[in-house]
Structures are given as C-alpha cells and as structure tokens.
N, C-alpha and C. Protein backbone atom coordinates (compact mmCIF):
# COMPACT_ATOMS: atom_id res chain seq x y z
N UNK A 1 66.37 -61.85 -67.99
CA UNK A 1 64.67 -61.69 -67.75
C UNK A 1 64.44 -61.62 -66.27
N UNK A 2 64.96 -62.75 -65.49
CA UNK A 2 64.68 -62.92 -64.12
C UNK A 2 65.15 -61.45 -63.61
N UNK A 3 66.21 -60.88 -63.85
CA UNK A 3 66.45 -59.52 -63.18
C UNK A 3 65.43 -58.47 -63.37
N UNK A 4 65.08 -58.33 -64.56
CA UNK A 4 63.94 -57.37 -64.99
C UNK A 4 62.69 -57.67 -64.08
N UNK A 5 62.42 -59.09 -64.15
CA UNK A 5 61.10 -59.28 -63.62
C UNK A 5 61.24 -59.06 -62.05
N UNK A 6 62.43 -59.42 -61.48
CA UNK A 6 62.70 -59.13 -60.01
C UNK A 6 62.56 -57.47 -59.68
N UNK A 7 63.25 -56.84 -60.54
CA UNK A 7 63.10 -55.49 -60.33
C UNK A 7 61.66 -54.84 -60.53
N UNK A 8 60.94 -55.40 -61.28
CA UNK A 8 59.54 -54.96 -61.54
C UNK A 8 58.80 -55.30 -60.32
N UNK A 9 58.89 -56.48 -59.85
CA UNK A 9 58.12 -57.00 -58.50
C UNK A 9 58.69 -55.99 -57.55
N UNK A 10 59.99 -55.76 -57.33
CA UNK A 10 60.32 -54.76 -56.31
C UNK A 10 59.77 -53.47 -56.25
N UNK A 11 59.91 -52.86 -57.59
CA UNK A 11 59.25 -51.38 -57.59
C UNK A 11 57.76 -51.53 -57.52
N UNK A 12 56.95 -52.51 -57.72
CA UNK A 12 55.60 -52.66 -57.54
C UNK A 12 55.28 -52.72 -56.03
N UNK A 13 56.22 -53.47 -55.35
CA UNK A 13 56.08 -53.82 -53.85
C UNK A 13 56.31 -52.40 -53.26
N UNK A 14 57.36 -51.75 -53.70
CA UNK A 14 57.67 -50.18 -53.05
C UNK A 14 56.41 -49.38 -53.10
N UNK A 15 55.98 -49.43 -54.35
CA UNK A 15 54.83 -48.54 -54.52
C UNK A 15 53.55 -48.99 -53.68
N UNK A 16 53.39 -50.04 -53.75
CA UNK A 16 52.33 -50.60 -52.91
C UNK A 16 52.69 -50.25 -51.32
N UNK A 17 53.62 -50.47 -50.98
CA UNK A 17 54.09 -50.12 -49.54
C UNK A 17 53.65 -48.50 -49.40
N UNK A 18 54.37 -47.71 -50.46
CA UNK A 18 54.04 -46.44 -50.27
C UNK A 18 52.70 -46.11 -50.19
N UNK A 19 52.02 -46.83 -51.20
CA UNK A 19 50.50 -46.55 -51.01
C UNK A 19 49.82 -46.67 -49.83
N UNK A 20 50.13 -47.76 -49.18
CA UNK A 20 49.68 -48.23 -48.02
C UNK A 20 49.93 -47.19 -46.94
N UNK A 21 51.19 -46.81 -46.86
CA UNK A 21 51.70 -46.01 -45.90
C UNK A 21 50.97 -44.54 -46.11
N UNK A 22 50.68 -44.14 -47.38
CA UNK A 22 49.91 -42.78 -47.50
C UNK A 22 48.40 -42.88 -47.33
N UNK A 23 47.70 -44.23 -47.43
CA UNK A 23 46.48 -44.48 -46.95
C UNK A 23 46.39 -44.48 -45.38
N UNK A 24 47.42 -45.10 -44.82
CA UNK A 24 47.40 -45.10 -43.32
C UNK A 24 47.56 -43.85 -42.71
N UNK A 25 48.62 -42.92 -43.37
CA UNK A 25 48.73 -41.46 -43.04
C UNK A 25 47.56 -40.70 -43.05
N UNK A 26 46.69 -40.81 -44.37
CA UNK A 26 45.63 -40.16 -44.49
C UNK A 26 44.39 -40.45 -43.49
N UNK A 27 44.34 -41.91 -43.29
CA UNK A 27 43.22 -42.34 -42.60
C UNK A 27 43.59 -41.82 -41.02
N UNK A 28 44.80 -41.76 -40.73
CA UNK A 28 45.22 -41.29 -39.31
C UNK A 28 44.95 -39.77 -39.30
N UNK A 29 45.23 -39.02 -40.23
CA UNK A 29 45.01 -37.67 -40.34
C UNK A 29 43.50 -37.48 -40.41
N UNK A 30 42.71 -38.01 -40.85
CA UNK A 30 41.23 -37.84 -40.84
C UNK A 30 40.65 -38.40 -39.64
N UNK A 31 41.25 -39.54 -38.91
CA UNK A 31 40.82 -39.55 -37.59
C UNK A 31 41.10 -38.76 -36.49
N UNK A 32 42.16 -38.11 -36.71
CA UNK A 32 42.67 -36.88 -35.87
C UNK A 32 41.77 -35.82 -35.96
N UNK A 33 41.61 -35.34 -37.37
CA UNK A 33 40.82 -34.32 -37.50
C UNK A 33 39.29 -34.62 -37.06
N UNK A 34 38.86 -35.80 -37.39
CA UNK A 34 37.46 -36.09 -36.86
C UNK A 34 37.34 -35.99 -35.34
N UNK A 35 38.44 -36.60 -34.82
CA UNK A 35 38.51 -36.45 -33.20
C UNK A 35 38.59 -34.97 -32.47
N UNK A 36 39.30 -34.44 -33.25
CA UNK A 36 39.42 -33.03 -32.86
C UNK A 36 38.00 -32.05 -33.03
N UNK A 37 37.56 -32.43 -34.14
CA UNK A 37 36.25 -31.78 -34.56
C UNK A 37 35.07 -32.23 -33.48
N UNK A 38 35.13 -33.64 -33.21
CA UNK A 38 34.27 -34.05 -32.27
C UNK A 38 34.38 -33.26 -30.86
N UNK A 39 35.62 -33.10 -30.47
CA UNK A 39 36.07 -32.35 -29.31
C UNK A 39 35.72 -31.04 -29.30
N UNK A 40 35.68 -30.41 -30.42
CA UNK A 40 35.25 -28.86 -30.63
C UNK A 40 33.74 -28.81 -30.39
N UNK A 41 33.19 -29.99 -31.26
CA UNK A 41 31.76 -29.74 -31.27
C UNK A 41 31.24 -30.12 -29.70
N UNK A 42 32.02 -31.02 -28.97
CA UNK A 42 31.53 -31.32 -27.64
C UNK A 42 31.71 -30.09 -26.65
N UNK A 43 32.80 -29.23 -27.10
CA UNK A 43 33.24 -28.20 -26.11
C UNK A 43 32.12 -27.10 -26.65
N UNK A 44 31.74 -26.98 -27.86
CA UNK A 44 30.49 -26.05 -28.20
C UNK A 44 29.31 -26.23 -27.47
N UNK A 45 29.01 -27.47 -27.42
CA UNK A 45 27.84 -27.97 -26.77
C UNK A 45 27.72 -27.70 -25.30
N UNK A 46 29.05 -27.95 -24.89
CA UNK A 46 29.07 -27.53 -23.35
C UNK A 46 28.85 -26.19 -22.97
N UNK A 47 29.44 -25.21 -23.90
CA UNK A 47 29.62 -23.84 -23.99
C UNK A 47 28.02 -23.36 -24.07
N UNK A 48 27.30 -23.91 -25.12
CA UNK A 48 26.02 -23.59 -25.30
C UNK A 48 25.16 -23.84 -24.10
N UNK A 49 25.34 -25.13 -23.56
CA UNK A 49 24.60 -25.47 -22.22
C UNK A 49 24.79 -24.57 -21.20
N UNK A 50 26.22 -24.13 -21.08
CA UNK A 50 26.45 -23.03 -19.84
C UNK A 50 25.82 -21.84 -20.23
N UNK A 51 26.02 -21.29 -21.42
CA UNK A 51 25.21 -20.10 -21.71
C UNK A 51 23.79 -20.21 -21.48
N UNK A 52 23.21 -21.17 -21.93
CA UNK A 52 21.74 -21.44 -21.67
C UNK A 52 21.42 -21.37 -20.00
N UNK A 53 22.25 -22.01 -19.28
CA UNK A 53 22.10 -21.98 -17.62
C UNK A 53 22.33 -20.69 -17.22
N UNK A 54 23.40 -20.02 -17.65
CA UNK A 54 23.64 -18.58 -17.30
C UNK A 54 22.36 -17.73 -17.77
N UNK A 55 21.88 -17.82 -19.03
CA UNK A 55 20.72 -17.05 -19.24
C UNK A 55 19.55 -17.25 -18.45
N UNK A 56 19.19 -18.68 -18.15
CA UNK A 56 18.18 -19.08 -17.43
C UNK A 56 18.15 -18.58 -16.02
N UNK A 57 19.44 -18.36 -15.42
CA UNK A 57 19.73 -17.90 -14.01
C UNK A 57 19.42 -16.33 -14.04
N UNK A 58 19.97 -15.83 -15.20
CA UNK A 58 19.61 -14.19 -15.38
C UNK A 58 18.55 -14.10 -15.55
N UNK A 59 17.51 -14.78 -16.27
CA UNK A 59 16.11 -14.47 -16.34
C UNK A 59 15.38 -14.75 -15.10
N UNK A 60 15.72 -15.89 -14.25
CA UNK A 60 15.33 -15.97 -12.80
C UNK A 60 15.39 -14.71 -11.93
N UNK A 61 16.81 -14.31 -12.01
CA UNK A 61 16.98 -13.19 -11.22
C UNK A 61 16.18 -11.85 -11.52
N UNK A 62 16.12 -11.58 -12.98
CA UNK A 62 15.23 -10.68 -13.44
C UNK A 62 13.99 -10.72 -13.14
N UNK A 63 13.45 -12.12 -13.21
CA UNK A 63 12.15 -12.31 -12.67
C UNK A 63 11.78 -12.01 -11.22
N UNK A 64 12.87 -12.43 -10.51
CA UNK A 64 12.55 -12.36 -8.91
C UNK A 64 12.81 -10.71 -8.63
N UNK A 65 13.71 -10.14 -9.42
CA UNK A 65 13.72 -8.53 -9.19
C UNK A 65 12.46 -8.04 -9.42
N UNK A 66 11.92 -8.33 -10.69
CA UNK A 66 10.70 -7.58 -11.17
C UNK A 66 9.52 -7.82 -10.07
N UNK A 67 9.70 -9.13 -9.65
CA UNK A 67 8.34 -9.57 -8.59
C UNK A 67 8.49 -8.69 -7.39
N UNK A 68 9.89 -8.52 -6.89
CA UNK A 68 10.05 -7.72 -5.87
C UNK A 68 9.76 -6.22 -6.04
N UNK A 69 10.18 -5.97 -7.32
CA UNK A 69 9.78 -4.43 -7.38
C UNK A 69 8.17 -4.02 -7.69
N UNK A 70 7.60 -5.23 -8.05
CA UNK A 70 6.14 -5.11 -8.19
C UNK A 70 5.58 -5.22 -6.92
N UNK A 71 6.10 -6.04 -6.09
CA UNK A 71 5.59 -6.22 -4.56
C UNK A 71 5.78 -4.96 -3.75
N UNK A 72 6.98 -4.30 -4.05
CA UNK A 72 7.19 -3.03 -3.19
C UNK A 72 6.55 -1.86 -3.95
N UNK A 73 6.06 -1.99 -5.25
CA UNK A 73 5.16 -0.78 -5.51
C UNK A 73 3.95 -0.93 -4.92
N UNK A 74 3.30 -2.21 -5.10
CA UNK A 74 2.06 -2.36 -4.50
C UNK A 74 1.98 -2.04 -3.11
N UNK A 75 2.96 -2.49 -2.40
CA UNK A 75 3.14 -2.13 -0.90
C UNK A 75 3.12 -0.68 -0.69
N UNK A 76 3.97 0.29 -1.48
CA UNK A 76 3.98 1.60 -1.41
C UNK A 76 2.74 1.89 -1.91
N UNK A 77 2.10 1.46 -2.91
CA UNK A 77 0.79 2.10 -3.31
C UNK A 77 -0.16 2.12 -2.10
N UNK A 78 -0.17 0.70 -1.34
CA UNK A 78 -1.10 0.78 -0.32
C UNK A 78 -0.82 1.59 0.72
N UNK A 79 0.62 1.60 0.97
CA UNK A 79 0.79 2.71 2.08
C UNK A 79 0.44 4.15 1.74
N UNK A 80 0.64 4.42 0.67
CA UNK A 80 0.06 5.83 0.13
C UNK A 80 -1.13 6.01 0.25
N UNK A 81 -2.05 4.90 -0.35
CA UNK A 81 -3.58 4.95 -0.03
C UNK A 81 -3.88 4.93 1.42
N UNK A 82 -3.32 4.14 2.31
CA UNK A 82 -3.56 4.24 3.62
C UNK A 82 -3.35 5.78 4.24
N UNK A 83 -2.02 6.22 3.94
CA UNK A 83 -1.68 7.56 4.35
C UNK A 83 -2.71 8.61 3.99
N UNK A 84 -3.06 8.55 2.62
CA UNK A 84 -4.03 9.27 2.06
C UNK A 84 -5.22 9.33 2.83
N UNK A 85 -5.68 8.19 3.19
CA UNK A 85 -6.91 8.08 3.92
C UNK A 85 -6.80 8.62 5.28
N UNK A 86 -5.56 8.18 5.88
CA UNK A 86 -5.28 8.74 7.32
C UNK A 86 -5.34 10.26 7.21
N UNK A 87 -4.64 10.88 6.08
CA UNK A 87 -4.54 12.31 6.05
C UNK A 87 -6.09 13.07 5.78
N UNK A 88 -6.74 12.30 4.80
CA UNK A 88 -8.25 12.85 4.66
C UNK A 88 -8.86 12.60 6.15
N UNK A 89 -8.77 11.63 6.65
CA UNK A 89 -9.42 11.46 8.15
C UNK A 89 -8.95 12.60 9.01
N UNK A 90 -7.66 12.77 9.12
CA UNK A 90 -7.09 14.05 9.93
C UNK A 90 -7.67 15.43 9.37
N UNK A 91 -7.54 15.27 8.07
CA UNK A 91 -8.10 16.80 7.58
C UNK A 91 -9.48 16.89 8.05
N UNK A 92 -10.29 15.91 7.86
CA UNK A 92 -11.88 15.78 8.20
C UNK A 92 -11.94 16.30 9.61
N UNK A 93 -11.19 15.54 10.38
CA UNK A 93 -11.15 15.80 11.89
C UNK A 93 -10.73 17.11 12.20
N UNK A 94 -9.70 17.49 11.48
CA UNK A 94 -9.13 18.96 11.84
C UNK A 94 -10.38 19.95 11.43
N UNK A 95 -10.82 19.62 10.24
CA UNK A 95 -11.63 20.69 9.99
C UNK A 95 -12.88 20.64 10.71
N UNK A 96 -13.36 19.50 11.30
CA UNK A 96 -14.44 19.48 11.96
C UNK A 96 -14.18 20.04 13.31
N UNK A 97 -13.03 19.71 13.81
CA UNK A 97 -12.70 20.07 15.32
C UNK A 97 -11.82 21.29 15.10
N UNK A 98 -12.54 22.43 14.74
CA UNK A 98 -11.86 23.69 14.73
C UNK A 98 -11.63 24.31 16.01
N UNK A 99 -10.56 24.99 16.11
CA UNK A 99 -10.32 25.75 17.20
C UNK A 99 -11.15 27.23 17.22
N UNK A 100 -11.69 27.32 18.41
CA UNK A 100 -12.44 28.66 18.49
C UNK A 100 -11.81 29.55 19.84
N UNK A 101 -10.67 29.14 20.09
CA UNK A 101 -9.82 29.93 21.10
C UNK A 101 -10.05 31.35 21.07
N UNK A 102 -10.10 32.04 19.89
CA UNK A 102 -10.04 33.26 19.85
C UNK A 102 -11.20 33.96 19.40
N UNK A 103 -12.36 33.11 19.36
CA UNK A 103 -13.70 33.77 19.04
C UNK A 103 -14.37 34.03 20.15
N UNK A 104 -15.20 34.96 20.19
CA UNK A 104 -16.08 35.30 21.16
C UNK A 104 -17.41 34.36 21.07
N UNK A 105 -17.98 34.09 22.36
CA UNK A 105 -18.88 33.17 22.47
C UNK A 105 -20.21 34.09 22.39
N UNK A 106 -21.10 33.46 21.61
CA UNK A 106 -22.30 34.41 21.37
C UNK A 106 -23.49 33.72 22.46
N UNK A 107 -23.54 32.43 22.58
CA UNK A 107 -24.33 31.73 23.71
C UNK A 107 -23.49 30.59 24.35
N UNK A 108 -23.93 30.37 25.59
CA UNK A 108 -23.35 29.35 26.52
C UNK A 108 -24.53 28.53 27.08
N UNK A 109 -24.68 27.21 26.71
CA UNK A 109 -25.61 26.38 27.49
C UNK A 109 -24.90 25.52 28.39
N UNK A 110 -25.61 25.27 29.62
CA UNK A 110 -24.98 24.28 30.47
C UNK A 110 -26.15 23.40 31.01
N UNK A 111 -25.74 22.09 31.62
CA UNK A 111 -26.78 21.30 32.18
C UNK A 111 -27.18 21.64 33.51
N UNK A 112 -28.49 21.19 34.08
CA UNK A 112 -28.98 21.29 35.40
C UNK A 112 -28.96 20.16 35.99
N UNK A 113 -28.08 19.23 35.93
CA UNK A 113 -28.09 17.99 36.57
C UNK A 113 -27.17 17.83 37.56
N UNK A 114 -26.96 16.49 38.22
CA UNK A 114 -25.99 16.16 39.11
C UNK A 114 -24.68 16.52 38.78
N UNK A 115 -24.32 16.29 37.55
CA UNK A 115 -22.97 16.66 36.96
C UNK A 115 -22.55 18.09 37.10
N UNK A 116 -23.50 19.05 36.85
CA UNK A 116 -23.11 20.27 36.84
C UNK A 116 -23.27 20.49 38.43
N UNK A 117 -23.87 20.07 39.15
CA UNK A 117 -23.90 20.55 40.48
C UNK A 117 -22.63 19.96 41.15
N UNK A 118 -21.93 18.96 40.44
CA UNK A 118 -20.61 18.52 41.23
C UNK A 118 -19.48 19.37 40.23
N UNK A 119 -19.73 20.05 39.54
CA UNK A 119 -18.60 20.99 38.88
C UNK A 119 -18.38 20.46 37.52
N UNK A 120 -19.10 19.50 36.91
CA UNK A 120 -18.73 19.00 35.61
C UNK A 120 -20.03 19.02 34.72
N UNK A 121 -20.28 20.25 34.43
CA UNK A 121 -21.61 20.58 33.72
C UNK A 121 -21.22 20.25 32.11
N UNK A 122 -22.29 19.86 31.41
CA UNK A 122 -22.04 19.72 30.02
C UNK A 122 -22.27 21.03 29.47
N UNK A 123 -21.20 21.63 28.67
CA UNK A 123 -21.23 22.85 28.31
C UNK A 123 -21.29 22.97 26.45
N UNK A 124 -22.02 23.72 26.24
CA UNK A 124 -22.11 23.99 24.81
C UNK A 124 -21.89 25.49 24.54
N UNK A 125 -20.88 25.73 23.76
CA UNK A 125 -20.63 27.04 23.52
C UNK A 125 -20.91 27.29 22.15
N UNK A 126 -21.70 28.54 21.68
CA UNK A 126 -22.04 28.76 20.44
C UNK A 126 -21.45 30.02 20.05
N UNK A 127 -20.61 30.00 18.85
CA UNK A 127 -19.97 31.09 18.39
C UNK A 127 -20.67 31.84 17.35
N UNK A 128 -21.43 31.11 16.65
CA UNK A 128 -22.18 31.66 15.53
C UNK A 128 -23.51 30.95 15.15
N UNK A 129 -24.63 31.43 15.12
CA UNK A 129 -25.79 30.76 14.96
C UNK A 129 -26.65 31.45 13.87
N UNK A 130 -26.72 30.66 12.78
CA UNK A 130 -27.57 31.36 11.71
C UNK A 130 -28.87 30.21 11.28
N UNK A 131 -29.62 30.70 10.25
CA UNK A 131 -30.63 29.76 10.15
C UNK A 131 -29.98 28.34 9.48
N UNK A 132 -28.85 28.41 8.96
CA UNK A 132 -28.47 27.28 8.09
C UNK A 132 -26.97 26.68 8.96
N UNK A 133 -26.40 27.30 9.76
CA UNK A 133 -25.12 26.92 10.14
C UNK A 133 -25.04 27.03 11.85
N UNK A 134 -24.48 26.28 12.45
CA UNK A 134 -24.21 26.55 13.95
C UNK A 134 -22.58 26.16 14.09
N UNK A 135 -21.76 27.04 14.56
CA UNK A 135 -20.59 27.01 15.07
C UNK A 135 -20.38 26.81 16.52
N UNK A 136 -19.75 25.74 16.61
CA UNK A 136 -20.12 25.35 18.34
C UNK A 136 -18.71 24.63 18.85
N UNK A 137 -18.79 24.60 19.99
CA UNK A 137 -17.72 23.61 20.84
C UNK A 137 -18.65 23.00 22.01
N UNK A 138 -18.42 21.84 22.08
CA UNK A 138 -19.31 20.97 23.01
C UNK A 138 -18.35 20.14 23.67
N UNK A 139 -18.78 19.79 25.18
CA UNK A 139 -18.02 18.87 26.06
C UNK A 139 -18.91 17.72 26.01
N UNK A 140 -18.09 16.68 25.09
CA UNK A 140 -18.80 15.30 25.13
C UNK A 140 -18.31 14.45 26.23
N UNK A 141 -19.12 13.52 26.62
CA UNK A 141 -18.88 12.66 27.73
C UNK A 141 -18.06 11.45 27.08
N UNK A 142 -18.08 11.40 25.86
CA UNK A 142 -17.56 9.98 25.33
C UNK A 142 -16.20 10.45 24.25
N UNK A 143 -15.04 9.86 24.76
CA UNK A 143 -13.93 9.78 23.83
C UNK A 143 -13.51 8.66 23.37
N UNK A 144 -13.61 8.25 22.14
CA UNK A 144 -13.46 6.82 21.74
C UNK A 144 -11.87 6.62 21.51
N UNK A 145 -11.09 7.77 21.40
CA UNK A 145 -9.68 7.36 21.13
C UNK A 145 -8.69 7.24 22.45
N UNK A 146 -9.38 7.62 23.50
CA UNK A 146 -8.64 7.56 24.74
C UNK A 146 -9.49 7.11 25.93
N UNK A 147 -8.65 7.10 26.88
CA UNK A 147 -9.25 6.31 28.20
C UNK A 147 -10.01 7.39 29.00
N UNK A 148 -9.95 8.63 28.78
CA UNK A 148 -10.64 9.66 29.39
C UNK A 148 -12.03 9.70 29.01
N UNK A 149 -13.02 10.18 29.92
CA UNK A 149 -14.22 10.14 29.65
C UNK A 149 -14.86 11.54 29.12
N UNK A 150 -14.09 12.29 28.75
CA UNK A 150 -14.63 13.63 28.04
C UNK A 150 -13.67 14.11 26.77
N UNK A 151 -14.10 14.95 25.86
CA UNK A 151 -13.38 15.61 24.86
C UNK A 151 -14.29 16.69 24.35
N UNK A 152 -13.43 17.59 23.87
CA UNK A 152 -14.07 18.66 23.25
C UNK A 152 -14.38 18.37 21.78
N UNK A 153 -15.70 18.68 21.44
CA UNK A 153 -15.97 18.46 20.13
C UNK A 153 -16.33 19.83 19.61
N UNK A 154 -15.82 20.06 18.16
CA UNK A 154 -16.01 21.70 17.77
C UNK A 154 -16.12 21.40 16.26
N UNK A 155 -16.81 22.39 15.77
CA UNK A 155 -17.02 22.32 14.21
C UNK A 155 -18.30 23.23 13.91
N UNK A 156 -18.53 22.62 12.90
CA UNK A 156 -19.97 23.72 12.13
C UNK A 156 -20.97 22.45 11.92
N UNK A 157 -22.23 22.72 12.50
CA UNK A 157 -23.23 21.79 12.28
C UNK A 157 -24.31 22.39 11.19
N UNK A 158 -24.88 21.73 10.32
CA UNK A 158 -25.64 22.08 9.22
C UNK A 158 -27.13 21.96 9.68
N UNK A 159 -27.83 22.81 9.51
CA UNK A 159 -29.42 22.57 9.62
C UNK A 159 -29.99 21.58 8.88
N UNK A 160 -30.79 20.72 9.20
CA UNK A 160 -31.47 19.78 8.38
C UNK A 160 -33.18 19.93 8.46
N UNK A 161 -33.50 20.92 9.34
CA UNK A 161 -35.06 21.17 9.45
C UNK A 161 -35.01 22.32 10.38
N UNK A 162 -36.00 23.10 10.64
CA UNK A 162 -36.35 24.15 11.28
C UNK A 162 -35.69 24.01 13.03
N UNK A 163 -34.69 24.71 13.35
CA UNK A 163 -34.18 24.72 14.75
C UNK A 163 -33.57 23.36 14.97
N UNK A 164 -33.07 22.46 13.85
CA UNK A 164 -32.35 21.39 14.15
C UNK A 164 -30.99 21.35 13.40
N UNK A 165 -29.88 21.05 13.92
CA UNK A 165 -28.64 21.22 13.43
C UNK A 165 -28.04 19.93 13.67
N UNK A 166 -27.18 19.42 12.37
CA UNK A 166 -26.65 18.00 12.96
C UNK A 166 -24.91 18.27 12.47
N UNK A 167 -24.19 17.27 13.15
CA UNK A 167 -22.83 17.49 12.93
C UNK A 167 -22.39 16.16 13.10
N UNK A 168 -21.36 15.58 12.03
CA UNK A 168 -20.79 14.27 12.19
C UNK A 168 -19.24 14.41 11.84
N UNK A 169 -18.63 13.29 12.58
CA UNK A 169 -17.21 13.16 12.24
C UNK A 169 -16.96 11.63 12.52
N UNK A 170 -15.90 11.19 12.09
CA UNK A 170 -15.19 9.82 12.05
C UNK A 170 -14.06 9.99 13.28
N UNK A 171 -14.28 9.14 14.16
CA UNK A 171 -13.28 8.89 15.24
C UNK A 171 -12.91 7.45 15.37
N UNK A 172 -11.66 7.15 14.88
CA UNK A 172 -11.28 5.81 14.58
C UNK A 172 -12.48 5.05 13.92
N UNK A 173 -13.09 3.84 14.53
CA UNK A 173 -14.07 3.11 13.74
C UNK A 173 -15.39 3.64 13.95
N UNK A 174 -15.39 4.82 14.69
CA UNK A 174 -16.76 5.29 15.16
C UNK A 174 -17.28 6.55 14.33
N UNK A 175 -18.68 6.23 13.91
CA UNK A 175 -19.18 7.44 13.11
C UNK A 175 -20.06 8.22 14.16
N UNK A 176 -19.65 9.22 14.66
CA UNK A 176 -20.03 10.11 15.74
C UNK A 176 -20.77 11.15 15.15
N UNK A 177 -21.95 11.18 15.79
CA UNK A 177 -22.99 12.49 15.29
C UNK A 177 -23.66 13.20 16.57
N UNK A 178 -23.57 14.49 16.16
CA UNK A 178 -24.31 15.36 17.26
C UNK A 178 -25.54 16.01 16.60
N UNK A 179 -26.85 15.94 17.40
CA UNK A 179 -28.05 16.67 16.83
C UNK A 179 -28.26 17.74 17.99
N UNK A 180 -28.25 19.01 17.54
CA UNK A 180 -28.85 19.95 18.35
C UNK A 180 -30.35 20.58 17.81
N UNK A 181 -31.10 20.29 18.99
CA UNK A 181 -32.61 20.70 18.72
C UNK A 181 -32.83 21.78 19.52
N UNK A 182 -33.16 23.12 19.14
CA UNK A 182 -33.52 24.22 19.73
C UNK A 182 -34.77 24.45 19.89
N UNK A 183 -35.29 25.08 20.95
CA UNK A 183 -36.77 25.37 21.03
C UNK A 183 -36.71 26.81 20.14
N UNK A 184 -37.96 27.36 20.25
CA UNK A 184 -38.04 28.63 19.37
C UNK A 184 -37.47 29.86 19.69
N UNK A 185 -37.53 29.97 21.07
CA UNK A 185 -36.73 30.93 21.71
C UNK A 185 -34.99 30.90 21.68
N UNK A 186 -34.77 29.67 21.39
CA UNK A 186 -33.25 29.46 21.43
C UNK A 186 -32.63 29.68 22.88
N UNK A 187 -33.37 29.55 24.03
CA UNK A 187 -32.88 29.56 25.27
C UNK A 187 -32.47 28.19 25.70
N UNK A 188 -33.26 27.15 25.30
CA UNK A 188 -32.85 25.66 25.68
C UNK A 188 -32.61 25.01 24.34
N UNK A 189 -31.66 23.85 24.61
CA UNK A 189 -31.23 22.93 23.49
C UNK A 189 -31.15 21.56 24.03
N UNK A 190 -32.08 20.62 23.15
CA UNK A 190 -31.62 19.26 23.50
C UNK A 190 -30.59 18.60 22.71
N UNK A 191 -29.37 18.21 23.02
CA UNK A 191 -28.17 17.68 22.46
C UNK A 191 -28.47 15.96 22.53
N UNK A 192 -28.30 15.38 21.38
CA UNK A 192 -28.43 14.14 21.04
C UNK A 192 -26.98 13.53 20.56
N UNK A 193 -26.57 12.40 21.14
CA UNK A 193 -25.29 12.11 20.47
C UNK A 193 -25.31 10.61 20.16
N UNK A 194 -24.84 10.33 18.93
CA UNK A 194 -24.97 9.03 18.31
C UNK A 194 -23.57 8.18 17.96
N UNK A 195 -23.52 7.09 18.09
CA UNK A 195 -22.13 6.30 17.78
C UNK A 195 -22.71 5.18 16.92
N UNK A 196 -22.30 5.38 15.66
CA UNK A 196 -22.49 4.44 14.53
C UNK A 196 -24.08 4.20 14.31
N UNK A 197 -24.81 5.01 14.48
CA UNK A 197 -26.25 5.31 14.21
C UNK A 197 -27.05 4.91 15.42
N UNK A 198 -26.26 4.54 16.59
CA UNK A 198 -26.91 4.37 18.02
C UNK A 198 -27.08 5.51 18.72
N UNK A 199 -28.24 5.76 19.59
CA UNK A 199 -28.24 7.06 20.28
C UNK A 199 -27.53 6.47 21.59
N UNK A 200 -26.33 7.42 22.02
CA UNK A 200 -25.77 7.09 23.23
C UNK A 200 -26.06 7.87 24.43
N UNK A 201 -26.64 9.11 23.90
CA UNK A 201 -26.77 10.04 25.04
C UNK A 201 -27.85 10.92 24.62
N UNK A 202 -28.63 11.77 25.58
CA UNK A 202 -29.46 12.90 25.12
C UNK A 202 -29.57 13.50 26.53
N UNK A 203 -29.47 15.09 26.32
CA UNK A 203 -29.61 15.88 27.41
C UNK A 203 -30.10 17.17 27.16
N UNK A 204 -30.73 17.83 28.07
CA UNK A 204 -31.07 19.23 27.84
C UNK A 204 -30.28 20.29 28.46
N UNK A 205 -29.98 21.39 27.74
CA UNK A 205 -28.96 22.32 28.10
C UNK A 205 -29.85 23.39 28.17
N UNK A 206 -29.38 24.45 29.16
CA UNK A 206 -30.03 25.70 29.37
C UNK A 206 -28.99 27.13 29.36
N UNK A 207 -29.66 28.12 28.55
CA UNK A 207 -28.87 29.28 28.52
C UNK A 207 -29.07 30.13 29.55
C-alpha cells in the first residue's frame, strides 16, 4: 500500500511539475510575443510619425513652390503690363511723332524775335492743312526727357474750332499739348504750349 501511495504521489508531482513547466513556457511565450508585438507597434508608430513628418515637409515644399510660382506669375504679369504700357506709350509717341522727311512742305512759319535773329527761329512746318487736320513738324523749346533745350515735335493736330488745331502727347510724366491758332488768311499762327494743363509758352509765327 505504501508503495502504491508513493508511486501515486510521485506521478502527481511529476504531472504538477510538467504543468508548471508548461504554464511557465506558455507565459514566457506570451511575454515574448507581447514584447515583439509592442516593438512592432512602436516601430509602426515611428514609421507613421516619420511618414507624417515627410508628408508635412513635402507639403511645405509644395506650398513654398506654389507661392514662388504665384509670385513669379504676378511679377511677370506686372512686367507684361508695364511693358504693354511702355509699348502703348511708345506707339502713341511714335504715331504722334511721325517722320515727314520725305514729305513736301506746304507752309513754313518762323518767329520774328531775338531767337530768330540769332539763328534759332521757332519753325513750324506744315505738310497738310485741311479743315479738320493739320500735319506738322514743330521745333519746341521744351525737351522733357533730355537735357537739351529743343526737340522736334511732329504729328497730326485735330481741329476743335474754326482755325484752331490741338495736338497732345505724353512725354515721361508730362502731358504735352500744342494749340495752333491761325488767322483767317492763314499767314500767321499763334502757337501755345502746355505742360500738364499749364501754359508754358506762346509765340506768334509768320509765313
């Protein structure tokens, strides 16, 4: 009886030890798996954070590039607008200051003042004179864009009243105007010059 009881206790002890070993092994396995899973989760979180940072950096670069492109577009648009205005002004100036070198002079008026006596007369050359238009070339004493004291102004003046013709052009920031006022026989003309609406000279010319 004592042998059987001893064997029974020994078997129970062995099974108990085996069960404890299995439980320990399973607990260790679960611990290892949980640790590995936690490491994987931590790595995934790090990767997600890195990806988010990379995405933010890319978005910042895209925004910066977009802002640069928009700024360049605005700058280019302003340059195009300024160039267009300059071209328009040049066209206006070119159209107003028409060259009449190959045209025959119909009338020529000169001044009878001290300047004329000294060899610097105010000269007005008329290439065509109708009831509505006056094609001319005039030696003005005012040159707004240079340091010289005279310049050739040429173009087509339009009539605004009987015997009175007006011509306007823009020179830099100056709104320059010429008014030609003829007498009935058109053998004398009074020439008025204006800068931004202010009269700067007037002179009588004779044919």
